[in-house]
């Protein structure tokens, strides 16, 4: 699990980068609501990718445990 101090540092770094990215998109003419919706879609896609990796890793660990018993 991530340390709370590390988490806050990561949050600050990502928040600054995200704010710059949003500002650039809005200055380029994209409506703020479209930028927000796209960010949600991208975050969801990343979450699904990470979750799939966790599920796959869990399945592999289970398979290894079963094979070690045999």
C-alpha atoms as a PDB file:
ATOM      1  CA  UNK A   1       0.000   0.000   0.000  1.00  0.00           C
ATOM      2  CA  UNK A   2       1.235   3.514  -0.740  1.00  0.00           C
ATOM      3  CA  UNK A   3       2.492   5.638   2.139  1.00  0.00           C
ATOM      4  CA  UNK A   4       0.271   8.668   2.901  1.00  0.00           C
ATOM      5  CA  UNK A   5       3.221  11.056   2.459  1.00  0.00           C
ATOM      6  CA  UNK A   6       4.116   9.488  -0.883  1.00  0.00           C
ATOM      7  CA  UNK A   7       0.456   9.608  -1.877  1.00  0.00           C
ATOM      8  CA  UNK A   8       0.254  13.347  -1.163  1.00  0.00           C
ATOM      9  CA  UNK A   9       3.426  13.977  -3.158  1.00  0.00           C
ATOM     10  CA  UNK A  10       2.100  11.952  -6.088  1.00  0.00           C
ATOM     11  CA  UNK A  11      -1.236  13.791  -5.864  1.00  0.00           C
ATOM     12  CA  UNK A  12       0.510  17.165  -6.031  1.00  0.00           C
ATOM     13  CA  UNK A  13       2.669  16.207  -9.000  1.00  0.00           C
ATOM     14  CA  UNK A  14      -0.240  14.702 -10.922  1.00  0.00           C
ATOM     15  CA  UNK A  15      -2.563  17.574 -10.045  1.00  0.00           C
ATOM     16  CA  UNK A  16      -0.136  20.126 -11.450  1.00  0.00           C
ATOM     17  CA  UNK A  17       0.382  18.124 -14.642  1.00  0.00           C
ATOM     18  CA  UNK A  18      -3.332  17.515 -15.052  1.00  0.00           C
ATOM     19  CA  UNK A  19      -4.140  21.199 -14.569  1.00  0.00           C
ATOM     20  CA  UNK A  20      -1.646  22.158 -17.281  1.00  0.00           C
ATOM     21  CA  UNK A  21      -3.068  19.546 -19.635  1.00  0.00           C
ATOM     22  CA  UNK A  22      -6.643  20.735 -19.021  1.00  0.00           C
ATOM     23  CA  UNK A  23      -5.654  24.391 -19.479  1.00  0.00           C
ATOM     24  CA  UNK A  24      -3.907  23.549 -22.769  1.00  0.00           C
ATOM     25  CA  UNK A  25      -6.936  21.671 -24.077  1.00  0.00           C
ATOM     26  CA  UNK A  26      -9.356  24.471 -23.125  1.00  0.00           C
ATOM     27  CA  UNK A  27      -7.042  27.131 -24.629  1.00  0.00           C
ATOM     28  CA  UNK A  28      -6.971  25.052 -27.812  1.00  0.00           C
ATOM     29  CA  UNK A  29     -10.714  25.465 -28.052  1.00  0.00           C
ATOM     30  CA  UNK A  30     -12.078  22.313 -26.470  1.00  0.00           C
ATOM     31  CA  UNK A  31     -15.085  22.907 -24.210  1.00  0.00           C
ATOM     32  CA  UNK A  32     -14.347  22.321 -20.532  1.00  0.00           C
ATOM     33  CA  UNK A  33     -17.119  19.737 -20.235  1.00  0.00           C
ATOM     34  CA  UNK A  34     -15.716  17.731 -23.182  1.00  0.00           C
ATOM     35  CA  UNK A  35     -12.276  17.759 -21.574  1.00  0.00           C
ATOM     36  CA  UNK A  36     -13.778  16.565 -18.275  1.00  0.00           C
ATOM     37  CA  UNK A  37     -15.692  13.740 -19.956  1.00  0.00           C
ATOM     38  CA  UNK A  38     -12.625  12.619 -21.888  1.00  0.00           C
ATOM     39  CA  UNK A  39     -10.544  12.630 -18.699  1.00  0.00           C
ATOM     40  CA  UNK A  40     -13.144  10.397 -17.070  1.00  0.00           C
ATOM     41  CA  UNK A  41     -13.061   8.004 -20.046  1.00  0.00           C
ATOM     42  CA  UNK A  42      -9.263   7.873 -19.963  1.00  0.00           C
ATOM     43  CA  UNK A  43      -9.199   7.349 -16.199  1.00  0.00           C
ATOM     44  CA  UNK A  44     -11.766   4.566 -16.489  1.00  0.00           C
ATOM     45  CA  UNK A  45      -9.753   2.866 -19.243  1.00  0.00           C
ATOM     46  CA  UNK A  46      -6.619   3.051 -17.100  1.00  0.00           C
ATOM     47  CA  UNK A  47      -8.483   1.709 -14.074  1.00  0.00           C
ATOM     48  CA  UNK A  48      -9.806  -1.221 -16.106  1.00  0.00           C
ATOM     49  CA  UNK A  49      -6.301  -1.974 -17.405  1.00  0.00           C
ATOM     50  CA  UNK A  50      -4.859  -1.932 -13.887  1.00  0.00           C
ATOM     51  CA  UNK A  51      -7.745  -4.013 -12.525  1.00  0.00           C
ATOM     52  CA  UNK A  52      -7.290  -6.586 -15.290  1.00  0.00           C
ATOM     53  CA  UNK A  53      -3.614  -6.856 -14.351  1.00  0.00           C
ATOM     54  CA  UNK A  54      -4.483  -7.348 -10.689  1.00  0.00           C
ATOM     55  CA  UNK A  55      -7.018 -10.045 -11.585  1.00  0.00           C
ATOM     56  CA  UNK A  56      -4.514 -11.769 -13.876  1.00  0.00           C
ATOM     57  CA  UNK A  57      -1.793 -11.623 -11.227  1.00  0.00           C
ATOM     58  CA  UNK A  58      -4.199 -13.053  -8.662  1.00  0.00           C
ATOM     59  CA  UNK A  59      -5.136 -15.909 -10.972  1.00  0.00           C
ATOM     60  CA  UNK A  60      -1.477 -16.666 -11.638  1.00  0.00           C
ATOM     61  CA  UNK A  61      -0.706 -16.685  -7.916  1.00  0.00           C
ATOM     62  CA  UNK A  62      -3.608 -19.071  -7.330  1.00  0.00           C
ATOM     63  CA  UNK A  63      -2.394 -21.377 -10.108  1.00  0.00           C
ATOM     64  CA  UNK A  64       1.127 -21.357  -8.670  1.00  0.00           C
ATOM     65  CA  UNK A  65      -0.178 -22.177  -5.198  1.00  0.00           C
ATOM     66  CA  UNK A  66      -2.174 -25.116  -6.548  1.00  0.00           C
ATOM     67  CA  UNK A  67       0.770 -26.414  -8.557  1.00  0.00           C
ATOM     68  CA  UNK A  68       3.040 -26.174  -5.504  1.00  0.00           C
ATOM     69  CA  UNK A  69       0.604 -28.315  -3.503  1.00  0.00           C
ATOM     70  CA  UNK A  70       0.699 -31.042  -6.153  1.00  0.00           C
END
